Amino acid sequence: MSHRPITKRRLLTDEPLHVSHELVGREIASPRRRAAALVLDYAVLLVPMLAVAIGAAALYLNLTEPAAYRAVTALLGKPTPEQADAAWGDLAPVLVHAEMPGVPAEAELAVERHDTAAAIEALKGYDLTFAVNFDESEGAKVAKGSISFEIQRLLPVPLRIVALFGVVSLYFTLCHASRRGQTLGKRVFGIRVVHLGGEKLSLFESFERAAGLLEIPATMGLALLSLWRDPNRRLPHDRIVHTAVVRVVRGKSIQGKSIHGKSIHGKSIHGESTHG
């Protein structure tokens, strides 16, 4: 008679509530500093995000629709009228299937009927403008006689998410897992991410924290109330991996240990105590 293996039951502990003594008493970063650092970080990330999105879309289009890719490159140059007509004919199905803003209804009907000549005629005289739209729900405003070639629409939704937000995740993951625990924005504004247990964040923990940022839009911004409701100003992505954002004070080490003859544990500093 076989016996079922006895699994060890997990018991509730105080581990998630533990805060290193070295961090107790550190000044918490204000919401204003955190917001300013985040704005600077996204300003820095804008160009790499666009570059990755454009590169991924170009590669995907070249692999899946090589004729349309050649058509785009032709229209970006100075094609002859005959070359422009041929390019519009190759590109028309992609414009319609990707639902690019500004495509005339006549071109849509022509593509549905597989009438290339009618599609070319419908698209003659239109200008092609290139854009990356991070929020398609709002819809792009397109000038009359223009088609907005929104590059992200070329990619399937999973690849679109990776292309647009993969750079952001990688940036925050690597920066917060570093020894300093700082992005460029946090370094400029004198704040950093610390693990409340006192240890350095692992790459996986840092990635979890970056992914947890999605809870802010998922709650329509209500999660930001934790900046005022939580005594340590911890947002949901901080609570996921047991972190907080604190001020960086010059003269103190990254881990909160004493340097330059100073201490933060109530020990005397040149004959004075930090606890009065």
Foldseek 3Di string as FASTA:
>chain_A
DDDDDDDDDDDDDCVLVFFDLLCPPFAFDAPVLVVQLVVVLVVVCVVVLVVLLLVVLLVLCCVPQVLLSVLVVCLVPDDDPVSVLSSQLSNLVVCLVLVWPQQDPQLNVCVVVVNSVSNSVSLPQAAEAEDADPDPVVPDDDDHRYTYHHSLSSDDPVVSCCSNCVSVLVQQLVCCQDLLQDHPSCVVSQKHKAARVLDGDDSVLSSQLSVQVVVCVVVVNPQQCCCVVPPQRDGPSCSVRRMGMGGHDPQADSSSQHDPQDHDNQDARVNHGPVD
